[in-house]
Amino acid sequence: MAREGVLGRSVVVKFKAADFTQFTRSCRVEPTRSAADILRVADEILESEADGGAFRLIGVGCTDLTNPAEDPEPDPFGFSGSP
């Protein structure tokens, strides 16, 4: 995402169960490319789906990509620009 210069507005987790059934879950987020933020949301999704069953695959990604010039990443300190 950094190389392409985009931010994601949704974190998506894809699950493939031991019996090969597949499903996805997603969560809208503030525009980000932060691996820590994406992982935190993916972990929340995973915990909500963990029921003791086995998974063959768990994939994490972002969708609803946006250009930071049009939809900037929020400032973690709450500053909105020049003083």
PDB file of N, CA and C in Angstrom:
ATOM      1  N   MET A   1       0.825  -1.178   0.000  1.00  0.00           N
ATOM      2  CA  MET A   1       0.000   0.000   0.000  1.00  0.00           C
ATOM      3  C   MET A   1       0.876   1.250   0.000  1.00  0.00           C
ATOM      4  N   ALA A   2       1.970   1.211   0.757  1.00  0.00           N
ATOM      5  CA  ALA A   2       2.869   2.360   0.774  1.00  0.00           C
ATOM      6  C   ALA A   2       3.492   2.564  -0.598  1.00  0.00           C
ATOM      7  N   ARG A   3       3.904   1.473  -1.232  1.00  0.00           N
ATOM      8  CA  ARG A   3       4.531   1.578  -2.555  1.00  0.00           C
ATOM      9  C   ARG A   3       3.561   2.158  -3.580  1.00  0.00           C
ATOM     10  N   GLU A   4       2.302   1.782  -3.499  1.00  0.00           N
ATOM     11  CA  GLU A   4       1.300   2.284  -4.437  1.00  0.00           C
ATOM     12  C   GLU A   4       0.718   3.623  -4.014  1.00  0.00           C
ATOM     13  N   GLY A   5       1.003   4.049  -2.792  1.00  0.00           N
ATOM     14  CA  GLY A   5       0.533   5.343  -2.315  1.00  0.00           C
ATOM     15  C   GLY A   5      -0.955   5.390  -2.035  1.00  0.00           C
ATOM     16  N   VAL A   6      -1.505   4.298  -1.485  1.00  0.00           N
ATOM     17  CA  VAL A   6      -2.937   4.255  -1.187  1.00  0.00           C
ATOM     18  C   VAL A   6      -3.168   3.932   0.282  1.00  0.00           C
ATOM     19  N   LEU A   7      -4.373   4.226   0.738  1.00  0.00           N
ATOM     20  CA  LEU A   7      -4.825   3.891   2.080  1.00  0.00           C
ATOM     21  C   LEU A   7      -6.023   2.959   1.951  1.00  0.00           C
ATOM     22  N   GLY A   8      -6.219   2.102   2.937  1.00  0.00           N
ATOM     23  CA  GLY A   8      -7.380   1.219   2.945  1.00  0.00           C
ATOM     24  C   GLY A   8      -8.425   1.720   3.911  1.00  0.00           C
ATOM     25  N   ARG A   9      -9.689   1.577   3.516  1.00  0.00           N
ATOM     26  CA  ARG A   9     -10.792   1.994   4.385  1.00  0.00           C
ATOM     27  C   ARG A   9     -11.555   0.812   4.971  1.00  0.00           C
ATOM     28  N   SER A  10     -11.207  -0.417   4.566  1.00  0.00           N
ATOM     29  CA  SER A  10     -11.815  -1.620   5.140  1.00  0.00           C
ATOM     30  C   SER A  10     -10.736  -2.678   5.318  1.00  0.00           C
ATOM     31  N   VAL A  11     -10.767  -3.344   6.457  1.00  0.00           N
ATOM     32  CA  VAL A  11      -9.891  -4.491   6.699  1.00  0.00           C
ATOM     33  C   VAL A  11     -10.731  -5.734   6.456  1.00  0.00           C
ATOM     34  N   VAL A  12     -10.203  -6.656   5.649  1.00  0.00           N
ATOM     35  CA  VAL A  12     -10.917  -7.874   5.287  1.00  0.00           C
ATOM     36  C   VAL A  12     -10.107  -9.071   5.747  1.00  0.00           C
ATOM     37  N   VAL A  13     -10.794 -10.035   6.370  1.00  0.00           N
ATOM     38  CA  VAL A  13     -10.167 -11.288   6.770  1.00  0.00           C
ATOM     39  C   VAL A  13     -10.902 -12.413   6.054  1.00  0.00           C
ATOM     40  N   LYS A  14     -10.129 -13.228   5.328  1.00  0.00           N
ATOM     41  CA  LYS A  14     -10.690 -14.376   4.604  1.00  0.00           C
ATOM     42  C   LYS A  14     -10.356 -15.635   5.387  1.00  0.00           C
ATOM     43  N   PHE A  15     -11.361 -16.471   5.582  1.00  0.00           N
ATOM     44  CA  PHE A  15     -11.196 -17.717   6.309  1.00  0.00           C
ATOM     45  C   PHE A  15     -11.499 -18.884   5.380  1.00  0.00           C
ATOM     46  N   LYS A  16     -10.689 -19.919   5.444  1.00  0.00           N
ATOM     47  CA  LYS A  16     -10.995 -21.181   4.784  1.00  0.00           C
ATOM     48  C   LYS A  16     -10.919 -22.248   5.866  1.00  0.00           C
ATOM     49  N   ALA A  17     -12.045 -22.915   6.098  1.00  0.00           N
ATOM     50  CA  ALA A  17     -12.131 -23.917   7.159  1.00  0.00           C
ATOM     51  C   ALA A  17     -11.489 -25.229   6.722  1.00  0.00           C
ATOM     52  N   ALA A  18     -11.343 -26.133   7.680  1.00  0.00           N
ATOM     53  CA  ALA A  18     -10.736 -27.435   7.411  1.00  0.00           C
ATOM     54  C   ALA A  18     -11.509 -28.199   6.330  1.00  0.00           C
ATOM     55  N   ASP A  19     -12.817 -27.975   6.244  1.00  0.00           N
ATOM     56  CA  ASP A  19     -13.624 -28.664   5.225  1.00  0.00           C
ATOM     57  C   ASP A  19     -13.706 -27.870   3.914  1.00  0.00           C
ATOM     58  N   PHE A  20     -12.843 -26.867   3.773  1.00  0.00           N
ATOM     59  CA  PHE A  20     -12.718 -26.018   2.577  1.00  0.00           C
ATOM     60  C   PHE A  20     -13.854 -25.020   2.384  1.00  0.00           C
ATOM     61  N   THR A  21     -14.771 -24.900   3.334  1.00  0.00           N
ATOM     62  CA  THR A  21     -15.754 -23.830   3.219  1.00  0.00           C
ATOM     63  C   THR A  21     -15.025 -22.509   3.451  1.00  0.00           C
ATOM     64  N   GLN A  22     -15.476 -21.471   2.762  1.00  0.00           N
ATOM     65  CA  GLN A  22     -14.826 -20.170   2.843  1.00  0.00           C
ATOM     66  C   GLN A  22     -15.826 -19.101   3.250  1.00  0.00           C
ATOM     67  N   PHE A  23     -15.329 -18.119   3.982  1.00  0.00           N
ATOM     68  CA  PHE A  23     -16.141 -16.942   4.279  1.00  0.00           C
ATOM     69  C   PHE A  23     -15.210 -15.781   4.587  1.00  0.00           C
ATOM     70  N   THR A  24     -15.727 -14.586   4.470  1.00  0.00           N
ATOM     71  CA  THR A  24     -14.942 -13.386   4.762  1.00  0.00           C
ATOM     72  C   THR A  24     -15.701 -12.514   5.748  1.00  0.00           C
ATOM     73  N   ARG A  25     -14.947 -11.734   6.464  1.00  0.00           N
ATOM     74  CA  ARG A  25     -15.501 -10.736   7.370  1.00  0.00           C
ATOM     75  C   ARG A  25     -14.707  -9.454   7.144  1.00  0.00           C
ATOM     76  N   SER A  26     -15.384  -8.317   7.264  1.00  0.00           N
ATOM     77  CA  SER A  26     -14.687  -7.045   7.069  1.00  0.00           C
ATOM     78  C   SER A  26     -15.155  -6.023   8.092  1.00  0.00           C
ATOM     79  N   CYS A  27     -14.341  -4.990   8.236  1.00  0.00           N
ATOM     80  CA  CYS A  27     -14.645  -3.920   9.170  1.00  0.00           C
ATOM     81  C   CYS A  27     -14.169  -2.603   8.567  1.00  0.00           C
ATOM     82  N   ARG A  28     -15.036  -1.605   8.551  1.00  0.00           N
ATOM     83  CA  ARG A  28     -14.667  -0.268   8.075  1.00  0.00           C
ATOM     84  C   ARG A  28     -13.752   0.382   9.097  1.00  0.00           C
ATOM     85  N   VAL A  29     -12.742   1.087   8.615  1.00  0.00           N
ATOM     86  CA  VAL A  29     -11.785   1.772   9.481  1.00  0.00           C
ATOM     87  C   VAL A  29     -11.502   3.157   8.911  1.00  0.00           C
ATOM     88  N   GLU A  30     -10.885   4.003   9.727  1.00  0.00           N
ATOM     89  CA  GLU A  30     -10.382   5.270   9.202  1.00  0.00           C
ATOM     90  C   GLU A  30      -9.304   4.929   8.183  1.00  0.00           C
ATOM     91  N   PRO A  31      -9.164   5.708   7.120  1.00  0.00           N
ATOM     92  CA  PRO A  31      -8.153   5.391   6.101  1.00  0.00           C
ATOM     93  C   PRO A  31      -6.772   5.192   6.728  1.00  0.00           C
ATOM     94  N   THR A  32      -6.155   4.051   6.408  1.00  0.00           N
ATOM     95  CA  THR A  32      -4.852   3.718   6.998  1.00  0.00           C
ATOM     96  C   THR A  32      -4.044   2.827   6.082  1.00  0.00           C
ATOM     97  N   ARG A  33      -2.742   2.818   6.318  1.00  0.00           N
ATOM     98  CA  ARG A  33      -1.849   1.828   5.725  1.00  0.00           C
ATOM     99  C   ARG A  33      -0.955   1.250   6.812  1.00  0.00           C
ATOM    100  N   SER A  34      -1.262   1.591   8.052  1.00  0.00           N
ATOM    101  CA  SER A  34      -0.493   1.148   9.204  1.00  0.00           C
ATOM    102  C   SER A  34      -0.696  -0.352   9.439  1.00  0.00           C
ATOM    103  N   ALA A  35       0.394  -1.100   9.375  1.00  0.00           N
ATOM    104  CA  ALA A  35       0.309  -2.548   9.614  1.00  0.00           C
ATOM    105  C   ALA A  35      -0.216  -2.830  11.014  1.00  0.00           C
ATOM    106  N   ALA A  36       0.170  -2.032  11.987  1.00  0.00           N
ATOM    107  CA  ALA A  36      -0.289  -2.237  13.363  1.00  0.00           C
ATOM    108  C   ALA A  36      -1.799  -2.054  13.468  1.00  0.00           C
ATOM    109  N   ASP A  37      -2.338  -1.023  12.815  1.00  0.00           N
ATOM    110  CA  ASP A  37      -3.784  -0.787  12.837  1.00  0.00           C
ATOM    111  C   ASP A  37      -4.532  -1.908  12.130  1.00  0.00           C
ATOM    112  N   ILE A  38      -4.014  -2.320  10.973  1.00  0.00           N
ATOM    113  CA  ILE A  38      -4.667  -3.388  10.201  1.00  0.00           C
ATOM    114  C   ILE A  38      -4.650  -4.685  10.998  1.00  0.00           C
ATOM    115  N   LEU A  39      -3.525  -5.009  11.621  1.00  0.00           N
ATOM    116  CA  LEU A  39      -3.414  -6.226  12.419  1.00  0.00           C
ATOM    117  C   LEU A  39      -4.338  -6.188  13.628  1.00  0.00           C
ATOM    118  N   ARG A  40      -4.448  -5.040  14.267  1.00  0.00           N
ATOM    119  CA  ARG A  40      -5.336  -4.911  15.435  1.00  0.00           C
ATOM    120  C   ARG A  40      -6.782  -5.219  15.048  1.00  0.00           C
ATOM    121  N   VAL A  41      -7.236  -4.655  13.932  1.00  0.00           N
ATOM    122  CA  VAL A  41      -8.609  -4.892  13.483  1.00  0.00           C
ATOM    123  C   VAL A  41      -8.784  -6.349  13.055  1.00  0.00           C
ATOM    124  N   ALA A  42      -7.804  -6.899  12.337  1.00  0.00           N
ATOM    125  CA  ALA A  42      -7.874  -8.302  11.916  1.00  0.00           C
ATOM    126  C   ALA A  42      -7.947  -9.222  13.134  1.00  0.00           C
ATOM    127  N   ASP A  43      -7.199  -8.902  14.176  1.00  0.00           N
ATOM    128  CA  ASP A  43      -7.228  -9.704  15.399  1.00  0.00           C
ATOM    129  C   ASP A  43      -8.609  -9.652  16.047  1.00  0.00           C
ATOM    130  N   GLU A  44      -9.244  -8.481  16.056  1.00  0.00           N
ATOM    131  CA  GLU A  44     -10.599  -8.356  16.610  1.00  0.00           C
ATOM    132  C   GLU A  44     -11.576  -9.212  15.810  1.00  0.00           C
ATOM    133  N   ILE A  45     -11.447  -9.189  14.478  1.00  0.00           N
ATOM    134  CA  ILE A  45     -12.323 -10.008  13.637  1.00  0.00           C
ATOM    135  C   ILE A  45     -12.081 -11.487  13.921  1.00  0.00           C
ATOM    136  N   LEU A  46     -10.814 -11.873  13.992  1.00  0.00           N
ATOM    137  CA  LEU A  46     -10.470 -13.273  14.252  1.00  0.00           C
ATOM    138  C   LEU A  46     -11.041 -13.737  15.586  1.00  0.00           C
ATOM    139  N   GLU A  47     -10.893 -12.929  16.609  1.00  0.00           N
ATOM    140  CA  GLU A  47     -11.425 -13.315  17.919  1.00  0.00           C
ATOM    141  C   GLU A  47     -12.939 -13.477  17.894  1.00  0.00           C
ATOM    142  N   SER A  48     -13.627 -12.664  17.104  1.00  0.00           N
ATOM    143  CA  SER A  48     -15.086 -12.785  17.037  1.00  0.00           C
ATOM    144  C   SER A  48     -15.521 -14.039  16.277  1.00  0.00           C
ATOM    145  N   GLU A  49     -14.651 -14.581  15.430  1.00  0.00           N
ATOM    146  CA  GLU A  49     -14.979 -15.772  14.642  1.00  0.00           C
ATOM    147  C   GLU A  49     -14.408 -17.066  15.228  1.00  0.00           C
ATOM    148  N   ALA A  50     -13.500 -16.938  16.187  1.00  0.00           N
ATOM    149  CA  ALA A  50     -12.858 -18.129  16.759  1.00  0.00           C
ATOM    150  C   ALA A  50     -13.875 -18.905  17.590  1.00  0.00           C
ATOM    151  N   ASP A  51     -14.152 -20.113  17.144  1.00  0.00           N
ATOM    152  CA  ASP A  51     -15.108 -20.960  17.847  1.00  0.00           C
ATOM    153  C   ASP A  51     -14.512 -22.330  18.158  1.00  0.00           C
ATOM    154  N   GLY A  52     -13.192 -22.445  18.041  1.00  0.00           N
ATOM    155  CA  GLY A  52     -12.531 -23.708  18.306  1.00  0.00           C
ATOM    156  C   GLY A  52     -12.345 -24.571  17.078  1.00  0.00           C
ATOM    157  N   GLY A  53     -12.951 -24.184  15.963  1.00  0.00           N
ATOM    158  CA  GLY A  53     -12.789 -24.934  14.718  1.00  0.00           C
ATOM    159  C   GLY A  53     -11.426 -24.685  14.101  1.00  0.00           C
ATOM    160  N   ALA A  54     -11.041 -25.586  13.206  1.00  0.00           N
ATOM    161  CA  ALA A  54      -9.743 -25.464  12.538  1.00  0.00           C
ATOM    162  C   ALA A  54      -9.885 -24.702  11.227  1.00  0.00           C
ATOM    163  N   PHE A  55      -8.886 -23.887  10.916  1.00  0.00           N
ATOM    164  CA  PHE A  55      -8.842 -23.171   9.652  1.00  0.00           C
ATOM    165  C   PHE A  55      -7.625 -23.620   8.861  1.00  0.00           C
ATOM    166  N   ARG A  56      -7.816 -23.788   7.561  1.00  0.00           N
ATOM    167  CA  ARG A  56      -6.706 -24.122   6.667  1.00  0.00           C
ATOM    168  C   ARG A  56      -5.959 -22.870   6.237  1.00  0.00           C
ATOM    169  N   LEU A  57      -6.689 -21.746   6.203  1.00  0.00           N
ATOM    170  CA  LEU A  57      -6.112 -20.502   5.698  1.00  0.00           C
ATOM    171  C   LEU A  57      -6.797 -19.329   6.375  1.00  0.00           C
ATOM    172  N   ILE A  58      -6.020 -18.338   6.723  1.00  0.00           N
ATOM    173  CA  ILE A  58      -6.555 -17.061   7.191  1.00  0.00           C
ATOM    174  C   ILE A  58      -5.755 -15.989   6.465  1.00  0.00           C
ATOM    175  N   GLY A  59      -6.434 -15.164   5.702  1.00  0.00           N
ATOM    176  CA  GLY A  59      -5.771 -14.103   4.959  1.00  0.00           C
ATOM    177  C   GLY A  59      -6.286 -12.747   5.396  1.00  0.00           C
ATOM    178  N   VAL A  60      -5.412 -11.757   5.370  1.00  0.00           N
ATOM    179  CA  VAL A  60      -5.768 -10.396   5.784  1.00  0.00           C
ATOM    180  C   VAL A  60      -5.428  -9.438   4.653  1.00  0.00           C
ATOM    181  N   GLY A  61      -6.314  -8.500   4.387  1.00  0.00           N
ATOM    182  CA  GLY A  61      -6.064  -7.492   3.370  1.00  0.00           C
ATOM    183  C   GLY A  61      -6.903  -6.256   3.613  1.00  0.00           C
ATOM    184  N   CYS A  62      -6.760  -5.300   2.715  1.00  0.00           N
ATOM    185  CA  CYS A  62      -7.543  -4.067   2.777  1.00  0.00           C
ATOM    186  C   CYS A  62      -8.279  -3.870   1.457  1.00  0.00           C
ATOM    187  N   THR A  63      -9.461  -3.316   1.555  1.00  0.00           N
ATOM    188  CA  THR A  63     -10.240  -2.955   0.373  1.00  0.00           C
ATOM    189  C   THR A  63     -10.680  -1.507   0.520  1.00  0.00           C
ATOM    190  N   ASP A  64     -11.497  -1.062  -0.412  1.00  0.00           N
ATOM    191  CA  ASP A  64     -11.950   0.328  -0.437  1.00  0.00           C
ATOM    192  C   ASP A  64     -10.741   1.258  -0.389  1.00  0.00           C
ATOM    193  N   LEU A  65      -9.809   0.999  -1.306  1.00  0.00           N
ATOM    194  CA  LEU A  65      -8.575   1.792  -1.341  1.00  0.00           C
ATOM    195  C   LEU A  65      -8.868   3.217  -1.777  1.00  0.00           C
ATOM    196  N   THR A  66      -8.114   4.139  -1.233  1.00  0.00           N
ATOM    197  CA  THR A  66      -8.339   5.548  -1.510  1.00  0.00           C
ATOM    198  C   THR A  66      -7.013   6.283  -1.644  1.00  0.00           C
ATOM    199  N   ASN A  67      -7.055   7.387  -2.308  1.00  0.00           N
ATOM    200  CA  ASN A  67      -5.890   8.255  -2.493  1.00  0.00           C
ATOM    201  C   ASN A  67      -5.760   9.150  -1.266  1.00  0.00           C
ATOM    202  N   PRO A  68      -4.601   9.178  -0.609  1.00  0.00           N
ATOM    203  CA  PRO A  68      -4.448  10.009   0.587  1.00  0.00           C
ATOM    204  C   PRO A  68      -4.687  11.496   0.348  1.00  0.00           C
ATOM    205  N   ALA A  69      -4.477  11.979  -0.882  1.00  0.00           N
ATOM    206  CA  ALA A  69      -4.722  13.392  -1.169  1.00  0.00           C
ATOM    207  C   ALA A  69      -6.209  13.720  -1.066  1.00  0.00           C
ATOM    208  N   GLU A  70      -7.055  12.735  -1.356  1.00  0.00           N
ATOM    209  CA  GLU A  70      -8.503  12.945  -1.305  1.00  0.00           C
ATOM    210  C   GLU A  70      -9.098  12.549   0.041  1.00  0.00           C
ATOM    211  N   ASP A  71      -8.478  11.605   0.724  1.00  0.00           N
ATOM    212  CA  ASP A  71      -9.004  11.066   1.973  1.00  0.00           C
ATOM    213  C   ASP A  71      -7.817  10.783   2.893  1.00  0.00           C
ATOM    214  N   PRO A  72      -7.235  11.826   3.512  1.00  0.00           N
ATOM    215  CA  PRO A  72      -5.973  11.657   4.248  1.00  0.00           C
ATOM    216  C   PRO A  72      -6.096  10.758   5.467  1.00  0.00           C
ATOM    217  N   GLU A  73      -4.962  10.157   5.804  1.00  0.00           N
ATOM    218  CA  GLU A  73      -4.865   9.326   7.000  1.00  0.00           C
ATOM    219  C   GLU A  73      -4.991  10.238   8.218  1.00  0.00           C
ATOM    220  N   PRO A  74      -5.814   9.864   9.201  1.00  0.00           N
ATOM    221  CA  PRO A  74      -5.973  10.727  10.381  1.00  0.00           C
ATOM    222  C   PRO A  74      -4.665  10.884  11.142  1.00  0.00           C
ATOM    223  N   ASP A  75      -4.466  12.051  11.706  1.00  0.00           N
ATOM    224  CA  ASP A  75      -3.294  12.325  12.521  1.00  0.00           C
ATOM    225  C   ASP A  75      -3.521  11.691  13.892  1.00  0.00           C
ATOM    226  N   PRO A  76      -2.612  10.807  14.344  1.00  0.00           N
ATOM    227  CA  PRO A  76      -2.824  10.132  15.628  1.00  0.00           C
ATOM    228  C   PRO A  76      -2.842  11.080  16.820  1.00  0.00           C
ATOM    229  N   PHE A  77      -2.337  12.308  16.634  1.00  0.00           N
ATOM    230  CA  PHE A  77      -2.311  13.265  17.724  1.00  0.00           C
ATOM    231  C   PHE A  77      -3.451  14.289  17.627  1.00  0.00           C
ATOM    232  N   GLY A  78      -4.304  14.167  16.627  1.00  0.00           N
ATOM    233  CA  GLY A  78      -5.456  15.020  16.494  1.00  0.00           C
ATOM    234  C   GLY A  78      -5.206  16.382  15.898  1.00  0.00           C
ATOM    235  N   PHE A  79      -4.005  16.590  15.322  1.00  0.00           N
ATOM    236  CA  PHE A  79      -3.729  17.869  14.684  1.00  0.00           C
ATOM    237  C   PHE A  79      -4.352  17.862  13.286  1.00  0.00           C
ATOM    238  N   SER A  80      -4.863  18.987  12.878  1.00  0.00           N
ATOM    239  CA  SER A  80      -5.537  19.034  11.588  1.00  0.00           C
ATOM    240  C   SER A  80      -4.815  19.919  10.573  1.00  0.00           C
ATOM    241  N   GLY A  81      -3.623  20.333  10.857  1.00  0.00           N
ATOM    242  CA  GLY A  81      -2.902  21.163   9.897  1.00  0.00           C
ATOM    243  C   GLY A  81      -2.025  22.183  10.596  1.00  0.00           C
ATOM    244  N   SER A  82      -1.757  23.250   9.896  1.00  0.00           N
ATOM    245  CA  SER A  82      -0.893  24.301  10.423  1.00  0.00           C
ATOM    246  C   SER A  82      -1.555  25.010  11.586  1.00  0.00           C
ATOM    247  N   PRO A  83      -0.738  25.516  12.501  1.00  0.00           N
ATOM    248  CA  PRO A  83      -1.301  26.262  13.655  1.00  0.00           C
ATOM    249  C   PRO A  83      -1.950  27.549  13.242  1.00  0.00           C
TER     250      PRO A  83
END
